[in-house]
N, C-alpha and C. Protein backbone atom coordinates (compact mmCIF):
# COMPACT_ATOMS: atom_id res chain seq x y z
N UNK A 1 0.99 -1.04 -0.01
CA UNK A 1 -0.10 0.17 0.07
C UNK A 1 0.99 1.09 -0.17
N UNK A 2 0.55 2.46 -0.88
CA UNK A 2 1.44 3.57 -0.67
C UNK A 2 1.40 4.13 0.64
N UNK A 3 2.39 4.88 1.05
CA UNK A 3 1.97 5.97 2.18
C UNK A 3 1.53 7.08 1.61
N UNK A 4 0.35 7.72 2.42
CA UNK A 4 -0.24 8.65 2.11
C UNK A 4 0.19 9.66 3.00
N UNK A 5 0.50 11.11 2.71
CA UNK A 5 0.85 12.16 3.55
C UNK A 5 0.08 13.22 3.84
N UNK A 6 -0.51 13.72 4.67
CA UNK A 6 -1.07 15.00 4.58
C UNK A 6 -0.50 16.03 5.70
N UNK A 7 0.42 15.66 6.41
CA UNK A 7 1.16 16.34 7.40
C UNK A 7 2.74 16.20 7.49
N UNK A 8 3.30 16.86 8.50
CA UNK A 8 4.70 16.51 8.57
C UNK A 8 4.71 15.07 9.50
N UNK A 9 6.15 14.63 9.63
CA UNK A 9 6.42 13.63 10.46
C UNK A 9 6.07 13.70 11.86
N UNK A 10 5.85 15.00 12.50
CA UNK A 10 5.28 15.01 13.73
C UNK A 10 3.84 14.13 14.00
N UNK A 11 3.14 13.84 12.94
CA UNK A 11 1.85 13.69 13.18
C UNK A 11 1.83 12.05 12.52
N UNK A 12 2.75 10.99 12.34
CA UNK A 12 2.86 10.05 11.97
C UNK A 12 1.97 9.14 12.69
N UNK A 13 1.03 8.30 12.06
CA UNK A 13 0.25 7.13 12.73
C UNK A 13 0.50 6.10 11.78
N UNK A 14 0.69 4.79 12.70
CA UNK A 14 1.15 3.68 12.19
C UNK A 14 -0.03 2.69 12.13
N UNK A 15 -0.31 2.55 10.84
CA UNK A 15 -1.65 1.69 10.80
C UNK A 15 -1.36 0.31 10.35
N UNK A 16 -1.72 -0.61 11.32
CA UNK A 16 -1.74 -2.18 11.38
C UNK A 16 -2.60 -3.00 10.76
N UNK A 17 -2.53 -3.19 9.58
CA UNK A 17 -3.50 -4.12 8.60
C UNK A 17 -2.72 -5.18 7.83
N UNK A 18 -3.14 -6.32 8.08
CA UNK A 18 -2.93 -7.33 6.93
C UNK A 18 -3.80 -7.56 5.84
N UNK A 19 -4.90 -6.80 5.80
CA UNK A 19 -5.78 -6.94 4.54
C UNK A 19 -5.53 -5.68 3.99
N UNK A 20 -5.15 -5.73 2.69
CA UNK A 20 -5.14 -4.21 1.75
C UNK A 20 -5.94 -3.44 1.78
N UNK A 21 -7.36 -4.26 1.36
CA UNK A 21 -8.42 -2.96 1.44
C UNK A 21 -8.86 -2.48 2.70
N UNK A 22 -8.53 -3.19 3.85
CA UNK A 22 -8.73 -2.57 5.23
C UNK A 22 -7.70 -1.46 5.41
N UNK A 23 -6.54 -2.01 5.29
CA UNK A 23 -5.56 -1.04 5.27
C UNK A 23 -5.75 0.38 4.67
N UNK A 24 -6.17 0.16 3.38
CA UNK A 24 -6.47 1.28 2.54
C UNK A 24 -7.48 2.26 3.12
N UNK A 25 -8.46 1.82 3.48
CA UNK A 25 -9.55 2.69 4.03
C UNK A 25 -9.12 3.24 5.36
N UNK A 26 -8.30 2.31 6.45
CA UNK A 26 -8.04 3.18 7.31
C UNK A 26 -7.07 4.39 7.29
N UNK A 27 -6.04 4.04 6.15
CA UNK A 27 -5.27 5.10 5.85
C UNK A 27 -6.00 6.34 5.35
N UNK A 28 -6.91 6.32 4.45
CA UNK A 28 -7.90 7.32 4.18
C UNK A 28 -8.35 8.01 5.49
N UNK A 29 -9.10 7.13 6.11
CA UNK A 29 -9.64 7.65 7.32
C UNK A 29 -8.74 8.57 8.34
N UNK A 30 -7.52 7.84 8.54
CA UNK A 30 -6.61 8.71 9.56
C UNK A 30 -6.13 9.81 8.78
N UNK A 31 -5.90 9.91 7.52
CA UNK A 31 -5.22 10.96 6.65
C UNK A 31 -6.49 12.26 6.85
N UNK A 32 -7.80 11.61 6.76
CA UNK A 32 -8.52 12.56 6.78
C UNK A 32 -8.62 13.48 8.27
N UNK A 33 -8.31 12.97 9.22
CA UNK A 33 -8.08 13.51 10.68
C UNK A 33 -6.90 14.24 10.67
N UNK A 34 -6.30 14.43 9.82
CA UNK A 34 -4.87 15.47 9.72
C UNK A 34 -3.80 14.70 9.86
N UNK A 35 -3.66 13.07 10.11
CA UNK A 35 -2.41 12.72 10.52
C UNK A 35 -1.79 12.21 9.10
N UNK A 36 -0.67 11.51 9.35
CA UNK A 36 0.10 11.21 8.11
C UNK A 36 -0.23 9.59 8.51
N UNK A 37 -0.67 8.63 7.34
CA UNK A 37 -0.79 7.51 7.94
C UNK A 37 0.15 6.69 7.27
N UNK A 38 0.91 5.83 7.91
CA UNK A 38 1.83 4.85 7.19
C UNK A 38 1.68 3.53 7.76
N UNK A 39 1.50 2.38 6.55
CA UNK A 39 1.12 1.14 6.91
C UNK A 39 2.17 0.04 7.25
N UNK A 40 1.74 -0.74 7.86
CA UNK A 40 2.57 -1.90 8.55
C UNK A 40 1.69 -3.17 8.31
N UNK A 41 2.01 -4.24 7.51
CA UNK A 41 1.09 -5.25 6.94
C UNK A 41 1.16 -6.29 7.66
N UNK A 42 1.92 -6.12 9.06
CA UNK A 42 1.79 -7.43 9.90
C UNK A 42 2.23 -6.86 11.10
N UNK A 43 2.08 -7.58 12.17
CA UNK A 43 2.42 -6.91 13.61
C UNK A 43 3.96 -7.03 13.83
N UNK A 44 4.67 -7.78 13.13
CA UNK A 44 5.96 -7.92 13.35
C UNK A 44 6.66 -6.93 12.34
N UNK A 45 6.27 -6.63 11.38
CA UNK A 45 6.41 -5.13 10.28
C UNK A 45 6.27 -3.95 11.49
N UNK A 46 5.28 -3.73 11.93
CA UNK A 46 5.13 -2.94 13.08
C UNK A 46 5.97 -2.58 14.06
N UNK A 47 6.31 -3.71 14.63
CA UNK A 47 7.26 -3.77 15.88
C UNK A 47 8.88 -2.99 15.26
N UNK A 48 9.10 -3.55 14.26
CA UNK A 48 10.34 -3.01 13.39
C UNK A 48 10.18 -1.71 13.22
N UNK A 49 9.11 -1.18 12.56
CA UNK A 49 8.74 0.38 12.34
C UNK A 49 8.64 1.25 13.33
N UNK A 50 8.17 0.89 14.62
CA UNK A 50 8.12 1.30 15.72
C UNK A 50 9.65 1.53 16.53
N UNK A 51 10.27 0.45 16.38
CA UNK A 51 11.81 0.42 16.91
C UNK A 51 12.62 1.27 16.04
N UNK A 52 12.49 1.15 14.71
CA UNK A 52 13.53 2.04 13.90
C UNK A 52 13.22 3.47 13.52
N UNK A 53 12.01 3.98 14.08
CA UNK A 53 11.38 5.23 13.64
C UNK A 53 12.48 6.29 14.08
N UNK A 54 12.89 6.89 13.13
CA UNK A 54 13.81 8.25 13.62
C UNK A 54 12.93 9.43 14.59
N UNK A 55 11.58 9.49 14.01
CA UNK A 55 10.85 10.37 14.61
C UNK A 55 9.78 9.53 15.14
N UNK A 56 9.53 9.26 16.49
CA UNK A 56 8.44 8.55 16.77
C UNK A 56 7.01 8.67 16.24
N UNK A 57 6.16 7.76 16.12
CA UNK A 57 4.88 7.80 15.66
C UNK A 57 4.10 8.32 17.00
N UNK A 58 3.06 9.07 16.58
CA UNK A 58 2.33 9.65 17.51
C UNK A 58 1.30 8.75 18.23
N UNK A 59 0.53 7.62 17.04
CA UNK A 59 -0.13 6.48 17.39
C UNK A 59 0.04 5.54 16.63
N UNK A 60 -0.61 4.32 17.23
CA UNK A 60 -0.98 3.25 16.26
C UNK A 60 -2.50 3.02 16.13
N UNK A 61 -2.83 2.45 14.90
CA UNK A 61 -4.23 2.26 14.60
C UNK A 61 -3.94 0.63 14.32
N UNK A 62 -4.32 -0.22 15.15
CA UNK A 62 -4.29 -1.61 15.03
C UNK A 62 -5.64 -2.24 14.84
N UNK A 63 -5.75 -3.05 13.67
CA UNK A 63 -7.00 -3.62 13.19
C UNK A 63 -6.82 -5.02 13.92
N UNK A 64 -7.72 -5.23 14.63
CA UNK A 64 -8.03 -6.40 15.66
C UNK A 64 -8.30 -7.77 14.44
N UNK A 65 -8.48 -7.60 13.41
CA UNK A 65 -8.81 -8.63 12.68
C UNK A 65 -7.89 -9.05 11.91
N UNK A 66 -6.68 -9.33 12.32
CA UNK A 66 -5.33 -9.40 11.72
C UNK A 66 -5.40 -11.12 11.57
N UNK A 67 -5.27 -11.43 10.05
CA UNK A 67 -5.46 -12.89 9.96
C UNK A 67 -4.11 -13.79 9.73
N UNK A 68 -3.07 -12.98 10.03
CA UNK A 68 -1.53 -13.75 9.71
C UNK A 68 -1.45 -14.86 10.89
N UNK A 69 -2.33 -14.90 11.74
CA UNK A 69 -1.69 -16.10 12.90
C UNK A 69 -1.44 -15.42 14.04
N UNK A 70 -1.09 -14.22 14.30
CA UNK A 70 -0.91 -13.63 15.33
C UNK A 70 -1.77 -12.88 16.05
N UNK A 71 -1.88 -13.35 17.22
CA UNK A 71 -3.33 -12.80 17.87
C UNK A 71 -2.84 -11.40 17.98
N UNK A 72 -4.04 -10.66 17.73
CA UNK A 72 -4.19 -8.96 17.82
C UNK A 72 -3.76 -8.50 19.28
N UNK A 73 -4.11 -9.26 20.24
CA UNK A 73 -4.11 -9.09 21.79
C UNK A 73 -2.51 -9.16 21.70
N UNK A 74 -1.83 -10.24 21.17
CA UNK A 74 -0.75 -10.29 21.65
C UNK A 74 0.06 -9.10 20.84
N UNK A 75 -0.36 -8.72 19.68
CA UNK A 75 0.59 -7.95 18.90
C UNK A 75 0.46 -6.41 19.70
N UNK A 76 -0.61 -6.21 20.48
CA UNK A 76 -0.84 -5.01 21.29
C UNK A 76 0.28 -5.26 22.62
N UNK A 77 0.17 -6.45 23.06
CA UNK A 77 1.16 -6.48 24.20
C UNK A 77 2.52 -6.38 23.74
N UNK A 78 2.94 -7.04 22.56
CA UNK A 78 4.32 -6.79 22.10
C UNK A 78 4.70 -5.59 21.74
N UNK A 79 3.75 -4.44 21.63
CA UNK A 79 4.11 -3.18 21.11
C UNK A 79 4.34 -2.57 23.00
N UNK A 80 3.56 -2.95 23.70
CA UNK A 80 3.59 -2.54 25.22
C UNK A 80 5.26 -2.84 25.74
N UNK A 81 5.52 -3.75 25.33
CA UNK A 81 6.87 -4.16 25.70
C UNK A 81 8.07 -3.76 24.84
N UNK A 82 7.86 -2.94 23.92
CA UNK A 82 9.04 -2.28 23.23
C UNK A 82 9.52 -1.01 24.35
N UNK A 83 10.95 -0.98 24.04
CA UNK A 83 11.45 -0.22 25.28
C UNK A 83 11.25 1.29 24.59
N UNK A 84 11.21 2.48 25.63
CA UNK A 84 11.30 3.72 25.28
C UNK A 84 10.07 4.29 24.64
N UNK A 85 10.12 5.31 23.94
CA UNK A 85 8.91 5.71 23.38
C UNK A 85 7.94 4.83 22.58
N UNK A 86 8.64 3.92 21.85
CA UNK A 86 7.84 3.03 20.93
C UNK A 86 6.70 2.14 21.52
N UNK A 87 7.08 1.73 22.76
CA UNK A 87 6.33 1.06 23.54
C UNK A 87 5.26 1.83 24.30
N UNK A 88 5.30 3.04 24.77
CA UNK A 88 4.46 4.33 25.40
C UNK A 88 3.43 4.52 24.25
N UNK A 89 3.57 4.15 23.01
CA UNK A 89 2.77 5.14 21.92
C UNK A 89 1.43 5.08 21.99
N UNK A 90 0.49 5.63 22.03
CA UNK A 90 -1.06 5.75 22.00
C UNK A 90 -1.55 4.51 20.89
N UNK A 91 -2.34 3.40 21.40
CA UNK A 91 -2.64 2.49 20.34
C UNK A 91 -4.30 2.39 20.56
N UNK A 92 -4.92 2.59 19.33
CA UNK A 92 -6.22 2.46 19.11
C UNK A 92 -6.54 1.49 18.32
N UNK A 93 -7.56 0.83 18.67
CA UNK A 93 -7.85 -0.58 18.25
C UNK A 93 -9.14 -0.74 17.37
N UNK A 94 -9.53 -1.41 16.19
CA UNK A 94 -10.70 -1.52 15.65
C UNK A 94 -11.13 -3.00 15.55
N UNK A 95 -12.23 -3.45 15.69
CA UNK A 95 -12.63 -4.54 15.84
C UNK A 95 -14.13 -4.69 15.31
N UNK A 96 -14.58 -6.02 15.06
CA UNK A 96 -15.92 -6.16 14.55
C UNK A 96 -16.85 -6.44 15.75
N UNK A 97 -16.31 -6.79 17.02
CA UNK A 97 -17.05 -7.03 18.01
C UNK A 97 -16.56 -6.49 19.45
N UNK A 98 -17.36 -6.66 20.32
CA UNK A 98 -16.97 -6.16 21.78
C UNK A 98 -16.24 -7.20 22.57
N UNK A 99 -16.04 -8.40 22.06
CA UNK A 99 -15.68 -9.48 22.86
C UNK A 99 -14.11 -9.22 23.42
N UNK A 100 -13.34 -8.45 22.84
CA UNK A 100 -11.95 -8.44 23.17
C UNK A 100 -11.68 -6.93 24.07
N UNK A 101 -12.90 -6.06 23.94
CA UNK A 101 -12.50 -4.78 24.54
C UNK A 101 -11.93 -5.12 26.05
N UNK A 102 -12.49 -5.55 26.84
CA UNK A 102 -12.08 -5.58 28.19
C UNK A 102 -10.45 -6.21 28.19
N UNK A 103 -10.09 -7.18 27.45
CA UNK A 103 -8.88 -7.51 27.48
C UNK A 103 -7.97 -6.47 26.76
N UNK A 104 -8.35 -5.95 25.75
CA UNK A 104 -7.62 -4.49 25.20
C UNK A 104 -7.46 -3.57 25.87
N UNK A 105 -8.37 -3.26 26.86
CA UNK A 105 -8.20 -2.16 27.65
C UNK A 105 -7.31 -2.42 28.88
N UNK A 106 -7.11 -3.80 29.25
CA UNK A 106 -6.23 -4.47 30.43
C UNK A 106 -4.84 -4.56 29.82
N UNK A 107 -4.69 -4.84 28.54
CA UNK A 107 -3.23 -4.92 27.79
C UNK A 107 -2.61 -3.41 27.54
N UNK A 108 -3.25 -2.47 27.67
CA UNK A 108 -2.93 -1.02 27.20
C UNK A 108 -3.47 -0.35 26.22
N UNK A 109 -4.69 -0.65 25.86
CA UNK A 109 -4.94 0.14 24.42
C UNK A 109 -5.28 1.66 24.96
N UNK A 110 -5.49 2.58 24.25
CA UNK A 110 -5.73 4.01 24.56
C UNK A 110 -7.30 4.43 23.81
N UNK A 111 -7.83 3.48 22.78
CA UNK A 111 -8.99 3.61 22.23
C UNK A 111 -9.67 2.49 21.72
N UNK A 112 -10.69 2.14 21.68
CA UNK A 112 -11.56 0.80 21.11
C UNK A 112 -12.85 1.23 20.36
N UNK A 113 -12.85 0.65 19.01
CA UNK A 113 -13.87 1.15 17.87
C UNK A 113 -14.24 -0.45 17.60
N UNK A 114 -15.75 -0.45 17.61
CA UNK A 114 -16.44 -1.56 17.00
C UNK A 114 -16.79 -0.99 15.67
N UNK A 115 -16.71 -1.76 14.50
CA UNK A 115 -17.21 -1.69 13.46
C UNK A 115 -18.47 -1.80 13.16
N UNK A 116 -19.33 -1.39 12.52
CA UNK A 116 -18.94 -0.22 11.51
C UNK A 116 -19.03 1.21 12.31
N UNK A 117 -17.84 1.94 12.23
CA UNK A 117 -17.96 3.19 12.86
C UNK A 117 -17.89 4.27 11.80
N UNK A 118 -18.00 5.60 12.39
CA UNK A 118 -18.09 6.70 11.52
C UNK A 118 -16.59 7.13 11.19
N UNK A 119 -16.16 7.72 10.45
CA UNK A 119 -14.75 8.34 10.07
C UNK A 119 -14.57 9.15 10.94
N UNK A 120 -15.51 10.13 11.70
CA UNK A 120 -15.22 11.38 12.56
C UNK A 120 -15.21 10.62 13.76
N UNK A 121 -15.78 9.43 14.06
CA UNK A 121 -15.72 8.70 15.46
C UNK A 121 -14.13 8.22 15.70
N UNK A 122 -13.43 7.66 14.54
CA UNK A 122 -12.28 7.17 14.40
C UNK A 122 -11.12 8.56 14.65
N UNK A 123 -11.30 9.35 13.78
CA UNK A 123 -10.71 10.51 13.92
C UNK A 123 -10.51 11.39 15.36
N UNK A 124 -11.83 11.42 15.81
CA UNK A 124 -11.74 11.89 17.10
C UNK A 124 -11.04 10.96 18.42
N UNK A 125 -11.50 9.83 18.01
CA UNK A 125 -10.81 8.74 19.32
C UNK A 125 -9.26 8.92 19.17
N UNK A 126 -8.82 8.95 17.92
CA UNK A 126 -7.39 8.82 17.55
C UNK A 126 -6.50 10.25 17.97
N UNK A 127 -7.41 11.70 17.73
CA UNK A 127 -6.96 12.60 18.16
C UNK A 127 -7.07 12.71 19.75
N UNK A 128 -8.07 12.39 20.40
CA UNK A 128 -7.93 12.21 21.96
C UNK A 128 -6.96 11.56 22.52
N UNK A 129 -6.65 10.10 22.12
CA UNK A 129 -5.59 9.26 22.31
C UNK A 129 -4.10 9.85 22.26
N UNK A 130 -3.85 10.85 21.09
CA UNK A 130 -2.70 11.56 20.75
C UNK A 130 -2.66 12.48 21.70
N UNK A 131 -3.50 13.54 22.26
CA UNK A 131 -3.46 14.42 23.08
C UNK A 131 -3.51 14.17 24.63
N UNK A 132 -4.01 13.00 25.06
CA UNK A 132 -4.06 12.66 26.28
C UNK A 132 -2.53 12.46 26.93
N UNK A 133 -2.72 13.33 28.04
CA UNK A 133 -1.13 13.28 28.71
C UNK A 133 -0.54 11.71 29.20
N UNK A 134 0.36 11.36 28.94
CA UNK A 134 0.90 10.00 29.69
C UNK A 134 0.65 9.82 30.96
N UNK A 135 0.41 10.88 31.71
CA UNK A 135 0.08 10.50 33.17
C UNK A 135 -1.15 10.15 33.52
N UNK A 136 -2.26 10.73 32.32
CA UNK A 136 -3.59 10.25 32.58
C UNK A 136 -4.09 9.19 31.98
N UNK A 137 -3.22 8.35 31.01
CA UNK A 137 -3.63 7.34 30.21
C UNK A 137 -3.82 6.14 31.04
N UNK A 138 -3.57 5.92 32.29
CA UNK A 138 -3.73 4.68 32.82
C UNK A 138 -5.05 4.80 33.74
N UNK A 139 -5.40 5.91 34.09
CA UNK A 139 -6.68 6.29 34.60
C UNK A 139 -7.75 6.22 33.59
N UNK A 140 -7.63 6.76 32.49
CA UNK A 140 -8.58 6.40 31.42
C UNK A 140 -8.78 4.90 31.24
N UNK A 141 -7.78 4.19 31.30
CA UNK A 141 -8.08 2.84 30.98
C UNK A 141 -8.77 2.30 32.05
N UNK A 142 -8.66 2.52 33.30
CA UNK A 142 -9.49 2.20 34.66
C UNK A 142 -10.85 2.45 34.49
N UNK A 143 -11.06 3.81 34.00
CA UNK A 143 -12.45 4.13 33.83
C UNK A 143 -13.30 3.18 32.75
N UNK A 144 -12.28 3.00 31.57
CA UNK A 144 -13.23 2.19 30.41
C UNK A 144 -13.32 0.85 30.89
N UNK A 145 -12.83 0.46 31.95
CA UNK A 145 -13.11 -0.80 32.62
C UNK A 145 -13.87 -0.95 33.69
N UNK A 146 -14.56 0.41 34.06
CA UNK A 146 -15.23 0.44 35.14
C UNK A 146 -14.95 0.16 36.47
N UNK A 147 -13.42 0.26 36.71
CA UNK A 147 -12.74 -0.36 38.00
C UNK A 147 -13.03 0.40 39.12
N UNK A 148 -13.37 -0.10 40.55
CA UNK A 148 -13.45 0.54 41.55
C UNK A 148 -12.49 1.65 41.93
N UNK A 149 -12.57 3.12 42.26
CA UNK A 149 -11.43 3.85 42.45
C UNK A 149 -11.07 4.63 41.40
N UNK A 150 -11.61 4.43 40.14
CA UNK A 150 -11.38 5.12 39.16
C UNK A 150 -11.76 6.60 39.27
N UNK A 151 -10.99 7.49 38.95
CA UNK A 151 -11.63 8.79 39.03
C UNK A 151 -12.51 8.99 38.11
N UNK A 152 -13.64 10.15 38.25
CA UNK A 152 -14.41 10.31 37.11
C UNK A 152 -13.79 11.23 36.16
N UNK A 153 -14.07 11.06 34.83
CA UNK A 153 -13.61 12.07 33.87
C UNK A 153 -14.31 11.30 32.43
N UNK A 154 -13.57 11.72 31.41
CA UNK A 154 -13.96 11.39 30.24
C UNK A 154 -13.41 9.89 29.68
């Protein structure tokens, strides 16, 4: 899939999708939100891209319907195990069902969308994940899981 650019390198989002059509659609949606979308066709390629990036990605959009035999939740966990900024990058996932939502939040996701979703919904969620301060991300995950003691908020 070709790289599409709408902004400078400071706004790069890595789209992880092993289906070409899904990847192309996600690239268009991400670019429509003012980000520069780059595609990794597998979780393994995404890990390499994240580690080797001269300028860190501002977020990852992970398609949870990966078909290459790698569990999408394992891919998320692998991203979280990367050292430095690469492992701290906000990750938004999209899926066809809600079954993996709690596991995704516990594994460290920063946003979760169930298909079908509107372009604006994806763009807003991605922008919120990128803008959320690192110090607030864990509390946000707790709220999404409805854990006791989570501070009220968005």
